[in-house]
Protein backbone atom coordinates (compact mmCIF):
# COMPACT_ATOMS: atom_id res chain seq x y z
CA MET A 1 278.44 88.87 222.79
CA GLY A 2 276.76 91.65 221.66
CA ASP A 3 274.58 94.04 223.92
CA VAL A 4 271.20 93.45 224.38
CA ILE A 5 267.72 95.59 222.86
CA ASN A 6 264.81 94.77 223.11
CA LEU A 7 263.62 95.02 219.26
CA ARG A 8 259.66 97.28 220.46
CA GLN A 9 261.68 99.94 221.10
CA PHE A 10 264.47 100.27 218.62
CA ARG A 11 261.15 99.62 216.50
CA LYS A 12 259.61 102.01 218.31
CA ASN A 13 261.99 105.17 217.66
CA LYS A 14 262.75 104.36 213.69
CA GLU A 15 259.41 105.19 213.74
CA ARG A 16 260.26 107.61 216.02
CA ALA A 17 263.08 109.32 213.03
CA GLU A 18 261.18 108.97 210.05
CA LYS A 19 257.89 111.08 211.29
CA GLN A 20 260.59 113.28 212.44
CA LYS A 21 261.68 113.94 209.10
CA SER A 22 258.43 114.37 207.28
CA ALA A 23 257.39 116.81 210.08
CA GLU A 24 260.93 118.73 208.96
CA GLN A 25 259.85 118.27 205.41
CA ASN A 26 256.30 119.88 206.10
CA ARG A 27 257.58 122.70 207.95
CA ILE A 28 260.31 123.72 204.99
CA THR A 29 256.75 122.93 203.02
CA PHE A 30 254.31 124.27 204.65
CA GLY A 31 255.45 126.49 206.86
CA ARG A 32 256.18 129.38 205.22
CA THR A 33 253.83 132.73 205.61
CA ARG A 34 251.57 133.80 202.74
CA THR A 35 253.59 136.72 202.46
CA GLU A 36 256.03 134.43 201.60
CA LYS A 37 254.60 132.54 198.88
CA ASN A 38 253.20 135.57 197.61
CA LEU A 39 256.65 137.11 197.63
CA THR A 40 258.16 133.99 195.10
CA GLN A 41 254.84 133.56 193.22
CA ALA A 42 256.02 137.51 192.13
CA ARG A 43 259.89 136.57 191.48
CA ASN A 44 259.07 133.30 189.64
CA GLU A 45 256.63 134.84 187.18
CA LYS A 46 258.81 138.29 186.91
CA ASP A 47 261.87 135.78 185.81
CA GLU A 48 258.81 133.88 183.18
CA LYS A 49 259.03 137.36 181.97
CA HIS A 50 262.87 137.85 182.13
CA LEU A 51 263.14 134.85 180.06
CA ASP A 52 260.22 135.20 177.71
CA GLN A 53 260.98 138.35 176.51
CA GLY A 54 264.72 136.85 174.65
CA LYS A 55 263.04 134.12 173.33
CA LEU A 56 263.10 134.23 169.56
CA ASP A 57 260.11 133.03 167.56
CA LYS A 58 260.21 129.90 164.79
CA PRO A 59 258.87 130.81 162.01
CA GLU A 60 257.10 128.19 160.27
CA PRO A 61 258.31 126.58 157.88
CA PRO A 62 255.91 126.40 154.03
CA LYS A 63 253.42 124.40 152.95
CA ASN A 64 255.24 122.21 150.25
CA PRO A 65 251.23 121.14 148.58
CA LYS A 66 251.43 117.85 147.08
């Protein structure tokens, strides 16, 4: 026969583990300083400008009135 386990304790341990996972994710998402956020934003803007410089504009097709 298997080991006897307390289902209440098992359920509480499972909930604790799930809360720890979400807390870790929140630390990663929201745990940055203002300087880090500004730096990331500046890098993203610079990358967008760099990509837009190489963008080719397509001419509009001529309109044929019928």
